[in-house]
């Protein structure tokens, strides 16, 4: 059985929530097309917003689009819809990443719907967190959130956290010596507050966070050596809570699943009063990505490094208007 296709206003609201997902450099590499006669909403990769030097295989692009898809599913469930989602539905068209059949009948997802309010509250925080451990029960909830999307979330031990932090510094050094990668960072970041005014994408200077003083946490420095007016140094937590998100395989469908898992973890964390930041910096270099994996774990391919904790929420990053994202046919 099928229901009537949702109206344009409903679909516009779904896409607005989907677009609040995190993406590499906040490039927002997605677009949507609504086939209103049959109630199908399609998610496409936007190759114009790819980062060919930072993300040559488009793994990060797929993760960002997967996160947008999870937001779409959460928003749909909160609106009482029960969409049927297919990933990579047409192999001959790889930019068509997913389609959601919005006319399906049945109960909305009772686990996703309560996460609806967190979609608009979730922001990456590159600010210092308190030196406070995340309780075991909360960690288990976050691991369950990742598992629900076919991924694994692992909280590594202290020795491996130190190794990950070393790999982050290694990646920073590699990026400093790669002008093409630095150029992409500069293109998508706006350290001058006036230079970022009116922009609808990228990372604004106020979202960079302070420089680290005397500590080391996996927070990407988007300034990349450029001056940022008013940006100082602050001590960050000495014992960061680090989680690794990974999958059993490493193909585009796995990246889409990882993106959905990432956003589900972040929304669960937001709903539970945690703040978070993410980085893929050491995963962007094949020479060191393998070393991010915990060798004593069953996780095969790490897809994201997540920093979790308690502290101030980060500022909202700019978002493109839905009119730029959604075509209605």
C-alpha atoms as a PDB file:
ATOM      1  CA  UNK A   1       0.000   0.000   0.000  1.00  0.00           C
ATOM      2  CA  UNK A   2       1.109   3.559  -0.635  1.00  0.00           C
ATOM      3  CA  UNK A   3       0.066   6.940   0.671  1.00  0.00           C
ATOM      4  CA  UNK A   4      -0.232  10.214  -1.191  1.00  0.00           C
ATOM      5  CA  UNK A   5       3.108  11.839  -2.069  1.00  0.00           C
ATOM      6  CA  UNK A   6       4.119  14.511   0.472  1.00  0.00           C
ATOM      7  CA  UNK A   7       3.572  18.078  -0.647  1.00  0.00           C
ATOM      8  CA  UNK A   8       6.366  20.400  -1.685  1.00  0.00           C
ATOM      9  CA  UNK A   9       6.420  22.246   1.649  1.00  0.00           C
ATOM     10  CA  UNK A  10       6.981  18.979   3.525  1.00  0.00           C
ATOM     11  CA  UNK A  11       9.778  17.927   1.188  1.00  0.00           C
ATOM     12  CA  UNK A  12      11.384  21.360   1.423  1.00  0.00           C
ATOM     13  CA  UNK A  13      11.476  21.001   5.211  1.00  0.00           C
ATOM     14  CA  UNK A  14      13.048  17.541   4.884  1.00  0.00           C
ATOM     15  CA  UNK A  15      15.785  18.865   2.604  1.00  0.00           C
ATOM     16  CA  UNK A  16      16.422  21.838   4.903  1.00  0.00           C
ATOM     17  CA  UNK A  17      17.093  19.412   7.761  1.00  0.00           C
ATOM     18  CA  UNK A  18      19.162  17.117   5.554  1.00  0.00           C
ATOM     19  CA  UNK A  19      21.400  20.037   4.606  1.00  0.00           C
ATOM     20  CA  UNK A  20      22.356  20.626   8.238  1.00  0.00           C
ATOM     21  CA  UNK A  21      24.649  17.606   8.117  1.00  0.00           C
ATOM     22  CA  UNK A  22      28.410  17.962   8.550  1.00  0.00           C
ATOM     23  CA  UNK A  23      30.632  17.670   5.492  1.00  0.00           C
ATOM     24  CA  UNK A  24      34.308  17.963   4.678  1.00  0.00           C
ATOM     25  CA  UNK A  25      35.185  21.687   4.904  1.00  0.00           C
ATOM     26  CA  UNK A  26      31.425  22.338   5.025  1.00  0.00           C
ATOM     27  CA  UNK A  27      31.393  22.106   1.233  1.00  0.00           C
ATOM     28  CA  UNK A  28      27.838  20.663   1.386  1.00  0.00           C
ATOM     29  CA  UNK A  29      28.399  18.420  -1.668  1.00  0.00           C
ATOM     30  CA  UNK A  30      24.780  17.345  -2.189  1.00  0.00           C
ATOM     31  CA  UNK A  31      21.724  18.127  -4.240  1.00  0.00           C
ATOM     32  CA  UNK A  32      18.175  16.749  -4.239  1.00  0.00           C
ATOM     33  CA  UNK A  33      15.487  16.084  -6.815  1.00  0.00           C
ATOM     34  CA  UNK A  34      11.873  15.417  -5.907  1.00  0.00           C
ATOM     35  CA  UNK A  35       9.737  13.389  -8.287  1.00  0.00           C
ATOM     36  CA  UNK A  36       6.463  14.607  -6.877  1.00  0.00           C
ATOM     37  CA  UNK A  37       4.152  12.393  -8.934  1.00  0.00           C
ATOM     38  CA  UNK A  38       5.601   9.253  -7.382  1.00  0.00           C
ATOM     39  CA  UNK A  39       6.822  10.693  -4.083  1.00  0.00           C
ATOM     40  CA  UNK A  40      10.503   9.846  -4.572  1.00  0.00           C
ATOM     41  CA  UNK A  41      13.249  12.135  -3.254  1.00  0.00           C
ATOM     42  CA  UNK A  42      16.677  11.530  -4.777  1.00  0.00           C
ATOM     43  CA  UNK A  43      20.027  12.466  -3.266  1.00  0.00           C
ATOM     44  CA  UNK A  44      22.857  13.287  -5.650  1.00  0.00           C
ATOM     45  CA  UNK A  45      26.533  14.043  -5.180  1.00  0.00           C
ATOM     46  CA  UNK A  46      27.458  17.520  -6.394  1.00  0.00           C
ATOM     47  CA  UNK A  47      30.853  17.062  -8.097  1.00  0.00           C
ATOM     48  CA  UNK A  48      31.321  20.844  -8.264  1.00  0.00           C
ATOM     49  CA  UNK A  49      31.775  20.736  -4.493  1.00  0.00           C
ATOM     50  CA  UNK A  50      34.261  17.897  -4.428  1.00  0.00           C
ATOM     51  CA  UNK A  51      37.795  18.356  -3.059  1.00  0.00           C
ATOM     52  CA  UNK A  52      39.947  16.464  -5.580  1.00  0.00           C
ATOM     53  CA  UNK A  53      43.244  16.913  -3.733  1.00  0.00           C
ATOM     54  CA  UNK A  54      42.032  16.481  -0.155  1.00  0.00           C
ATOM     55  CA  UNK A  55      39.491  13.788  -1.026  1.00  0.00           C
ATOM     56  CA  UNK A  56      40.573  12.232  -4.347  1.00  0.00           C
ATOM     57  CA  UNK A  57      38.449   9.081  -4.063  1.00  0.00           C
ATOM     58  CA  UNK A  58      35.440  11.097  -2.788  1.00  0.00           C
ATOM     59  CA  UNK A  59      35.232   9.031   0.371  1.00  0.00           C
ATOM     60  CA  UNK A  60      34.635  12.181   2.409  1.00  0.00           C
ATOM     61  CA  UNK A  61      32.030  13.395  -0.076  1.00  0.00           C
ATOM     62  CA  UNK A  62      30.084  10.145   0.331  1.00  0.00           C
ATOM     63  CA  UNK A  63      30.335  10.346   4.130  1.00  0.00           C
ATOM     64  CA  UNK A  64      28.931  13.876   4.103  1.00  0.00           C
ATOM     65  CA  UNK A  65      26.078  12.861   1.802  1.00  0.00           C
ATOM     66  CA  UNK A  66      25.391   9.847   3.998  1.00  0.00           C
ATOM     67  CA  UNK A  67      25.105  12.176   6.992  1.00  0.00           C
ATOM     68  CA  UNK A  68      22.617  14.301   5.034  1.00  0.00           C
ATOM     69  CA  UNK A  69      20.621  11.154   4.256  1.00  0.00           C
ATOM     70  CA  UNK A  70      20.442  10.261   7.947  1.00  0.00           C
ATOM     71  CA  UNK A  71      19.144  13.740   8.756  1.00  0.00           C
ATOM     72  CA  UNK A  72      16.541  13.278   6.046  1.00  0.00           C
ATOM     73  CA  UNK A  73      15.444   9.983   7.585  1.00  0.00           C
ATOM     74  CA  UNK A  74      15.262  11.535  11.064  1.00  0.00           C
ATOM     75  CA  UNK A  75      13.238  14.486   9.805  1.00  0.00           C
ATOM     76  CA  UNK A  76      10.922  12.167   7.887  1.00  0.00           C
ATOM     77  CA  UNK A  77      10.343   9.991  10.953  1.00  0.00           C
ATOM     78  CA  UNK A  78       9.621  13.070  13.080  1.00  0.00           C
ATOM     79  CA  UNK A  79       7.065  14.128  10.445  1.00  0.00           C
ATOM     80  CA  UNK A  80       5.323  10.764  10.672  1.00  0.00           C
ATOM     81  CA  UNK A  81       6.769   9.359   7.433  1.00  0.00           C
ATOM     82  CA  UNK A  82       8.320   5.940   6.937  1.00  0.00           C
ATOM     83  CA  UNK A  83      10.506   6.278   3.819  1.00  0.00           C
ATOM     84  CA  UNK A  84      12.001   3.290   2.057  1.00  0.00           C
ATOM     85  CA  UNK A  85      15.628   4.133   1.226  1.00  0.00           C
ATOM     86  CA  UNK A  86      17.807   2.566  -1.454  1.00  0.00           C
ATOM     87  CA  UNK A  87      21.527   3.289  -1.655  1.00  0.00           C
ATOM     88  CA  UNK A  88      23.215   3.612  -5.049  1.00  0.00           C
ATOM     89  CA  UNK A  89      20.017   2.552  -6.838  1.00  0.00           C
ATOM     90  CA  UNK A  90      21.392   2.907 -10.396  1.00  0.00           C
ATOM     91  CA  UNK A  91      24.987   1.656 -10.801  1.00  0.00           C
ATOM     92  CA  UNK A  92      25.329   3.373 -14.189  1.00  0.00           C
ATOM     93  CA  UNK A  93      24.753   6.758 -12.481  1.00  0.00           C
ATOM     94  CA  UNK A  94      27.230   6.880  -9.576  1.00  0.00           C
ATOM     95  CA  UNK A  95      26.303  10.457  -8.641  1.00  0.00           C
ATOM     96  CA  UNK A  96      22.821   9.220  -7.709  1.00  0.00           C
ATOM     97  CA  UNK A  97      23.662   8.171  -4.174  1.00  0.00           C
ATOM     98  CA  UNK A  98      20.256   7.306  -2.727  1.00  0.00           C
ATOM     99  CA  UNK A  99      16.553   7.599  -3.214  1.00  0.00           C
ATOM    100  CA  UNK A 100      13.862   7.758  -0.555  1.00  0.00           C
ATOM    101  CA  UNK A 101      10.382   6.550  -1.400  1.00  0.00           C
ATOM    102  CA  UNK A 102       8.265   8.821   0.778  1.00  0.00           C
ATOM    103  CA  UNK A 103       4.881   7.226   0.008  1.00  0.00           C
ATOM    104  CA  UNK A 104       5.497   4.030   1.934  1.00  0.00           C
ATOM    105  CA  UNK A 105       2.975   3.331   4.651  1.00  0.00           C
ATOM    106  CA  UNK A 106       3.735   2.014   8.082  1.00  0.00           C
ATOM    107  CA  UNK A 107       4.879   3.406  11.391  1.00  0.00           C
ATOM    108  CA  UNK A 108       7.733   5.935  11.423  1.00  0.00           C
ATOM    109  CA  UNK A 109      11.048   4.814  12.867  1.00  0.00           C
ATOM    110  CA  UNK A 110      10.509   5.080  16.620  1.00  0.00           C
ATOM    111  CA  UNK A 111      14.237   5.340  17.351  1.00  0.00           C
ATOM    112  CA  UNK A 112      15.006   8.046  14.785  1.00  0.00           C
ATOM    113  CA  UNK A 113      11.999  10.307  15.389  1.00  0.00           C
ATOM    114  CA  UNK A 114      13.108  11.439  18.891  1.00  0.00           C
ATOM    115  CA  UNK A 115      16.387  12.675  17.399  1.00  0.00           C
ATOM    116  CA  UNK A 116      14.522  15.296  15.360  1.00  0.00           C
ATOM    117  CA  UNK A 117      15.221  18.252  17.708  1.00  0.00           C
ATOM    118  CA  UNK A 118      18.941  17.409  17.714  1.00  0.00           C
ATOM    119  CA  UNK A 119      19.236  17.953  13.943  1.00  0.00           C
ATOM    120  CA  UNK A 120      19.133  21.737  14.351  1.00  0.00           C
ATOM    121  CA  UNK A 121      21.104  21.789  17.618  1.00  0.00           C
ATOM    122  CA  UNK A 122      24.060  19.731  16.414  1.00  0.00           C
ATOM    123  CA  UNK A 123      27.149  21.785  15.607  1.00  0.00           C
ATOM    124  CA  UNK A 124      30.809  20.837  15.568  1.00  0.00           C
ATOM    125  CA  UNK A 125      32.600  22.412  18.519  1.00  0.00           C
ATOM    126  CA  UNK A 126      36.310  23.156  18.085  1.00  0.00           C
ATOM    127  CA  UNK A 127      36.376  24.755  21.544  1.00  0.00           C
ATOM    128  CA  UNK A 128      38.059  23.292  24.638  1.00  0.00           C
ATOM    129  CA  UNK A 129      36.073  20.602  26.465  1.00  0.00           C
ATOM    130  CA  UNK A 130      36.216  19.753  30.151  1.00  0.00           C
ATOM    131  CA  UNK A 131      38.567  17.001  31.294  1.00  0.00           C
ATOM    132  CA  UNK A 132      35.682  14.657  32.039  1.00  0.00           C
ATOM    133  CA  UNK A 133      35.266  11.085  30.894  1.00  0.00           C
ATOM    134  CA  UNK A 134      32.195   9.996  28.952  1.00  0.00           C
ATOM    135  CA  UNK A 135      30.393   7.405  31.127  1.00  0.00           C
ATOM    136  CA  UNK A 136      30.381   3.791  29.987  1.00  0.00           C
ATOM    137  CA  UNK A 137      26.599   3.725  29.630  1.00  0.00           C
ATOM    138  CA  UNK A 138      26.721   6.729  27.308  1.00  0.00           C
ATOM    139  CA  UNK A 139      29.502   5.179  25.268  1.00  0.00           C
ATOM    140  CA  UNK A 140      27.384   2.076  24.842  1.00  0.00           C
ATOM    141  CA  UNK A 141      24.465   4.167  23.559  1.00  0.00           C
ATOM    142  CA  UNK A 142      26.739   5.787  21.000  1.00  0.00           C
ATOM    143  CA  UNK A 143      28.115   2.417  19.922  1.00  0.00           C
ATOM    144  CA  UNK A 144      24.552   1.154  19.485  1.00  0.00           C
ATOM    145  CA  UNK A 145      23.774   4.190  17.323  1.00  0.00           C
ATOM    146  CA  UNK A 146      26.656   3.342  14.987  1.00  0.00           C
ATOM    147  CA  UNK A 147      25.742  -0.342  14.903  1.00  0.00           C
ATOM    148  CA  UNK A 148      22.171   0.516  13.894  1.00  0.00           C
ATOM    149  CA  UNK A 149      23.613   1.900  10.636  1.00  0.00           C
ATOM    150  CA  UNK A 150      25.922  -1.012   9.959  1.00  0.00           C
ATOM    151  CA  UNK A 151      29.099   0.599  11.320  1.00  0.00           C
ATOM    152  CA  UNK A 152      31.253   0.215  14.421  1.00  0.00           C
ATOM    153  CA  UNK A 153      32.230   2.802  17.005  1.00  0.00           C
ATOM    154  CA  UNK A 154      35.325   2.076  19.069  1.00  0.00           C
ATOM    155  CA  UNK A 155      36.740   3.951  22.052  1.00  0.00           C
ATOM    156  CA  UNK A 156      40.473   3.149  21.926  1.00  0.00           C
ATOM    157  CA  UNK A 157      42.723   2.864  24.942  1.00  0.00           C
ATOM    158  CA  UNK A 158      45.141   5.544  26.112  1.00  0.00           C
ATOM    159  CA  UNK A 159      48.126   4.206  24.175  1.00  0.00           C
ATOM    160  CA  UNK A 160      46.212   4.201  20.915  1.00  0.00           C
ATOM    161  CA  UNK A 161      44.780   7.671  21.533  1.00  0.00           C
ATOM    162  CA  UNK A 162      48.376   8.914  21.790  1.00  0.00           C
ATOM    163  CA  UNK A 163      49.105   7.183  18.484  1.00  0.00           C
ATOM    164  CA  UNK A 164      46.101   8.836  16.815  1.00  0.00           C
ATOM    165  CA  UNK A 165      47.208  12.245  18.074  1.00  0.00           C
ATOM    166  CA  UNK A 166      50.659  11.635  16.608  1.00  0.00           C
ATOM    167  CA  UNK A 167      49.068  10.730  13.285  1.00  0.00           C
ATOM    168  CA  UNK A 168      47.019  13.939  13.336  1.00  0.00           C
ATOM    169  CA  UNK A 169      50.226  15.939  13.742  1.00  0.00           C
ATOM    170  CA  UNK A 170      51.820  13.893  10.952  1.00  0.00           C
ATOM    171  CA  UNK A 171      48.870  14.710   8.670  1.00  0.00           C
ATOM    172  CA  UNK A 172      49.139  18.410   9.527  1.00  0.00           C
ATOM    173  CA  UNK A 173      52.776  18.345   8.487  1.00  0.00           C
ATOM    174  CA  UNK A 174      51.969  16.588   5.234  1.00  0.00           C
ATOM    175  CA  UNK A 175      49.245  19.125   4.459  1.00  0.00           C
ATOM    176  CA  UNK A 176      51.643  22.008   5.118  1.00  0.00           C
ATOM    177  CA  UNK A 177      53.916  20.608   2.387  1.00  0.00           C
ATOM    178  CA  UNK A 178      51.110  20.033  -0.143  1.00  0.00           C
ATOM    179  CA  UNK A 179      50.166  23.336  -1.835  1.00  0.00           C
ATOM    180  CA  UNK A 180      47.184  21.812  -3.673  1.00  0.00           C
ATOM    181  CA  UNK A 181      45.668  20.546  -0.420  1.00  0.00           C
ATOM    182  CA  UNK A 182      46.375  23.851   1.322  1.00  0.00           C
ATOM    183  CA  UNK A 183      44.704  25.634  -1.562  1.00  0.00           C
ATOM    184  CA  UNK A 184      41.509  23.661  -1.063  1.00  0.00           C
ATOM    185  CA  UNK A 185      41.532  24.459   2.637  1.00  0.00           C
ATOM    186  CA  UNK A 186      41.974  28.144   1.867  1.00  0.00           C
ATOM    187  CA  UNK A 187      39.156  28.050  -0.682  1.00  0.00           C
ATOM    188  CA  UNK A 188      36.635  26.648   1.802  1.00  0.00           C
ATOM    189  CA  UNK A 189      37.614  28.628   4.912  1.00  0.00           C
ATOM    190  CA  UNK A 190      37.066  32.286   5.751  1.00  0.00           C
ATOM    191  CA  UNK A 191      39.439  33.525   8.478  1.00  0.00           C
ATOM    192  CA  UNK A 192      38.563  37.191   7.939  1.00  0.00           C
ATOM    193  CA  UNK A 193      35.139  37.833   9.519  1.00  0.00           C
ATOM    194  CA  UNK A 194      34.251  40.372   6.837  1.00  0.00           C
ATOM    195  CA  UNK A 195      35.474  38.065   4.098  1.00  0.00           C
ATOM    196  CA  UNK A 196      33.072  35.363   5.211  1.00  0.00           C
ATOM    197  CA  UNK A 197      30.045  37.633   5.476  1.00  0.00           C
ATOM    198  CA  UNK A 198      27.166  36.471   3.338  1.00  0.00           C
ATOM    199  CA  UNK A 199      28.761  33.130   2.433  1.00  0.00           C
ATOM    200  CA  UNK A 200      26.570  30.027   2.478  1.00  0.00           C
ATOM    201  CA  UNK A 201      29.244  27.353   2.798  1.00  0.00           C
ATOM    202  CA  UNK A 202      32.736  26.727   4.112  1.00  0.00           C
ATOM    203  CA  UNK A 203      34.113  27.258   7.614  1.00  0.00           C
ATOM    204  CA  UNK A 204      33.809  30.799   9.049  1.00  0.00           C
ATOM    205  CA  UNK A 205      36.613  32.144  11.228  1.00  0.00           C
ATOM    206  CA  UNK A 206      34.453  32.122  14.372  1.00  0.00           C
ATOM    207  CA  UNK A 207      34.102  28.334  14.001  1.00  0.00           C
ATOM    208  CA  UNK A 208      37.875  27.706  13.874  1.00  0.00           C
ATOM    209  CA  UNK A 209      38.148  27.698  17.659  1.00  0.00           C
ATOM    210  CA  UNK A 210      41.262  28.862  19.509  1.00  0.00           C
ATOM    211  CA  UNK A 211      44.743  27.566  18.913  1.00  0.00           C
ATOM    212  CA  UNK A 212      45.810  24.826  21.277  1.00  0.00           C
ATOM    213  CA  UNK A 213      48.152  25.688  24.125  1.00  0.00           C
ATOM    214  CA  UNK A 214      50.138  22.988  25.864  1.00  0.00           C
ATOM    215  CA  UNK A 215      47.825  20.147  24.855  1.00  0.00           C
ATOM    216  CA  UNK A 216      47.001  18.088  21.789  1.00  0.00           C
ATOM    217  CA  UNK A 217      43.508  17.141  20.673  1.00  0.00           C
ATOM    218  CA  UNK A 218      42.370  16.076  17.178  1.00  0.00           C
ATOM    219  CA  UNK A 219      40.988  19.428  16.052  1.00  0.00           C
ATOM    220  CA  UNK A 220      41.899  20.566  12.557  1.00  0.00           C
ATOM    221  CA  UNK A 221      43.458  24.029  12.399  1.00  0.00           C
ATOM    222  CA  UNK A 222      41.581  25.607   9.518  1.00  0.00           C
ATOM    223  CA  UNK A 223      43.690  28.752   9.774  1.00  0.00           C
ATOM    224  CA  UNK A 224      46.525  26.834   8.079  1.00  0.00           C
ATOM    225  CA  UNK A 225      49.036  29.443   9.222  1.00  0.00           C
ATOM    226  CA  UNK A 226      46.914  32.437   8.229  1.00  0.00           C
ATOM    227  CA  UNK A 227      46.165  35.194  10.761  1.00  0.00           C
ATOM    228  CA  UNK A 228      42.670  35.150  12.257  1.00  0.00           C
ATOM    229  CA  UNK A 229      41.621  38.411  13.934  1.00  0.00           C
ATOM    230  CA  UNK A 230      40.890  37.945  17.625  1.00  0.00           C
ATOM    231  CA  UNK A 231      41.921  34.293  17.720  1.00  0.00           C
ATOM    232  CA  UNK A 232      43.966  33.409  20.776  1.00  0.00           C
ATOM    233  CA  UNK A 233      45.368  30.291  22.418  1.00  0.00           C
ATOM    234  CA  UNK A 234      43.650  28.233  25.098  1.00  0.00           C
ATOM    235  CA  UNK A 235      44.398  24.971  26.912  1.00  0.00           C
ATOM    236  CA  UNK A 236      42.296  22.049  25.729  1.00  0.00           C
ATOM    237  CA  UNK A 237      41.499  18.876  27.621  1.00  0.00           C
ATOM    238  CA  UNK A 238      44.541  16.807  28.600  1.00  0.00           C
ATOM    239  CA  UNK A 239      42.762  13.465  28.170  1.00  0.00           C
ATOM    240  CA  UNK A 240      40.434  13.794  25.165  1.00  0.00           C
ATOM    241  CA  UNK A 241      37.609  11.312  24.658  1.00  0.00           C
ATOM    242  CA  UNK A 242      38.325   9.883  21.225  1.00  0.00           C
ATOM    243  CA  UNK A 243      36.197   7.452  19.230  1.00  0.00           C
ATOM    244  CA  UNK A 244      36.924   5.800  15.897  1.00  0.00           C
ATOM    245  CA  UNK A 245      34.082   5.130  13.478  1.00  0.00           C
ATOM    246  CA  UNK A 246      34.692   2.343  11.011  1.00  0.00           C
ATOM    247  CA  UNK A 247      33.263  -0.201   8.621  1.00  0.00           C
ATOM    248  CA  UNK A 248      34.030  -3.742   7.527  1.00  0.00           C
ATOM    249  CA  UNK A 249      34.559  -2.730   3.894  1.00  0.00           C
ATOM    250  CA  UNK A 250      35.702   0.399   2.084  1.00  0.00           C
ATOM    251  CA  UNK A 251      33.521   0.969  -0.965  1.00  0.00           C
ATOM    252  CA  UNK A 252      31.120   3.844  -1.782  1.00  0.00           C
ATOM    253  CA  UNK A 253      28.164   2.042  -0.213  1.00  0.00           C
ATOM    254  CA  UNK A 254      30.205   1.606   2.973  1.00  0.00           C
ATOM    255  CA  UNK A 255      31.061   5.322   2.985  1.00  0.00           C
ATOM    256  CA  UNK A 256      27.376   6.172   2.730  1.00  0.00           C
ATOM    257  CA  UNK A 257      26.643   3.835   5.639  1.00  0.00           C
ATOM    258  CA  UNK A 258      29.512   5.406   7.590  1.00  0.00           C
ATOM    259  CA  UNK A 259      28.061   8.865   6.991  1.00  0.00           C
ATOM    260  CA  UNK A 260      24.683   7.772   8.290  1.00  0.00           C
ATOM    261  CA  UNK A 261      26.316   6.161  11.303  1.00  0.00           C
ATOM    262  CA  UNK A 262      28.409   9.257  11.966  1.00  0.00           C
ATOM    263  CA  UNK A 263      25.397  11.552  12.003  1.00  0.00           C
ATOM    264  CA  UNK A 264      23.351   9.136  14.102  1.00  0.00           C
ATOM    265  CA  UNK A 265      26.166   9.076  16.665  1.00  0.00           C
ATOM    266  CA  UNK A 266      26.438  12.877  16.618  1.00  0.00           C
ATOM    267  CA  UNK A 267      22.686  13.364  17.006  1.00  0.00           C
ATOM    268  CA  UNK A 268      22.568  10.832  19.832  1.00  0.00           C
ATOM    269  CA  UNK A 269      25.461  12.650  21.514  1.00  0.00           C
ATOM    270  CA  UNK A 270      23.739  16.025  21.061  1.00  0.00           C
ATOM    271  CA  UNK A 271      20.474  14.717  22.492  1.00  0.00           C
ATOM    272  CA  UNK A 272      22.380  13.371  25.497  1.00  0.00           C
ATOM    273  CA  UNK A 273      24.138  16.655  26.262  1.00  0.00           C
ATOM    274  CA  UNK A 274      27.514  15.948  24.672  1.00  0.00           C
ATOM    275  CA  UNK A 275      29.419  18.111  22.223  1.00  0.00           C
ATOM    276  CA  UNK A 276      31.663  16.824  19.478  1.00  0.00           C
ATOM    277  CA  UNK A 277      34.082  17.625  16.707  1.00  0.00           C
ATOM    278  CA  UNK A 278      35.241  15.371  13.905  1.00  0.00           C
ATOM    279  CA  UNK A 279      38.346  15.100  11.791  1.00  0.00           C
ATOM    280  CA  UNK A 280      39.378  12.957   8.845  1.00  0.00           C
ATOM    281  CA  UNK A 281      42.785  14.599   8.567  1.00  0.00           C
ATOM    282  CA  UNK A 282      44.939  11.496   9.240  1.00  0.00           C
ATOM    283  CA  UNK A 283      42.563   9.426   7.073  1.00  0.00           C
ATOM    284  CA  UNK A 284      43.168  11.599   4.003  1.00  0.00           C
ATOM    285  CA  UNK A 285      46.694  10.224   3.521  1.00  0.00           C
ATOM    286  CA  UNK A 286      46.808   6.561   2.418  1.00  0.00           C
ATOM    287  CA  UNK A 287      50.330   6.224   3.807  1.00  0.00           C
ATOM    288  CA  UNK A 288      49.115   6.721   7.382  1.00  0.00           C
ATOM    289  CA  UNK A 289      45.401   5.937   7.285  1.00  0.00           C
ATOM    290  CA  UNK A 290      46.041   2.254   7.983  1.00  0.00           C
ATOM    291  CA  UNK A 291      47.829   3.170  11.227  1.00  0.00           C
ATOM    292  CA  UNK A 292      44.758   4.911  12.672  1.00  0.00           C
ATOM    293  CA  UNK A 293      43.100   1.524  13.008  1.00  0.00           C
ATOM    294  CA  UNK A 294      43.430  -0.122  16.417  1.00  0.00           C
ATOM    295  CA  UNK A 295      45.336  -3.345  15.623  1.00  0.00           C
ATOM    296  CA  UNK A 296      43.651  -5.271  18.444  1.00  0.00           C
ATOM    297  CA  UNK A 297      40.136  -4.411  17.270  1.00  0.00           C
ATOM    298  CA  UNK A 298      37.923  -6.011  14.638  1.00  0.00           C
ATOM    299  CA  UNK A 299      37.453  -2.670  12.848  1.00  0.00           C
ATOM    300  CA  UNK A 300      38.808  -2.999   9.326  1.00  0.00           C
ATOM    301  CA  UNK A 301      38.566   0.534   7.899  1.00  0.00           C
ATOM    302  CA  UNK A 302      38.459   3.702   9.992  1.00  0.00           C
ATOM    303  CA  UNK A 303      36.211   6.323   8.393  1.00  0.00           C
ATOM    304  CA  UNK A 304      36.233   9.156  10.952  1.00  0.00           C
ATOM    305  CA  UNK A 305      37.920  10.292  14.157  1.00  0.00           C
ATOM    306  CA  UNK A 306      35.433  11.760  16.633  1.00  0.00           C
ATOM    307  CA  UNK A 307      36.206  13.871  19.697  1.00  0.00           C
ATOM    308  CA  UNK A 308      33.451  13.863  22.321  1.00  0.00           C
ATOM    309  CA  UNK A 309      32.988  15.535  25.649  1.00  0.00           C
ATOM    310  CA  UNK A 310      31.306  18.177  27.731  1.00  0.00           C
ATOM    311  CA  UNK A 311      31.708  21.856  27.026  1.00  0.00           C
ATOM    312  CA  UNK A 312      30.389  24.779  25.004  1.00  0.00           C
ATOM    313  CA  UNK A 313      28.489  24.202  21.796  1.00  0.00           C
ATOM    314  CA  UNK A 314      30.183  25.475  18.683  1.00  0.00           C
ATOM    315  CA  UNK A 315      28.685  28.173  16.463  1.00  0.00           C
ATOM    316  CA  UNK A 316      26.476  27.173  13.569  1.00  0.00           C
ATOM    317  CA  UNK A 317      28.219  26.995  10.206  1.00  0.00           C
ATOM    318  CA  UNK A 318      26.521  28.641   7.206  1.00  0.00           C
ATOM    319  CA  UNK A 319      24.084  26.672   5.088  1.00  0.00           C
ATOM    320  CA  UNK A 320      23.040  26.964   1.466  1.00  0.00           C
ATOM    321  CA  UNK A 321      19.400  27.875   0.867  1.00  0.00           C
ATOM    322  CA  UNK A 322      17.108  25.007  -0.044  1.00  0.00           C
ATOM    323  CA  UNK A 323      16.318  26.725  -3.351  1.00  0.00           C
ATOM    324  CA  UNK A 324      19.917  25.995  -4.387  1.00  0.00           C
ATOM    325  CA  UNK A 325      19.657  22.346  -3.380  1.00  0.00           C
ATOM    326  CA  UNK A 326      16.265  21.081  -4.460  1.00  0.00           C
ATOM    327  CA  UNK A 327      14.803  20.552  -7.917  1.00  0.00           C
ATOM    328  CA  UNK A 328      11.129  19.603  -8.136  1.00  0.00           C
ATOM    329  CA  UNK A 329       9.889  17.705 -11.169  1.00  0.00           C
END
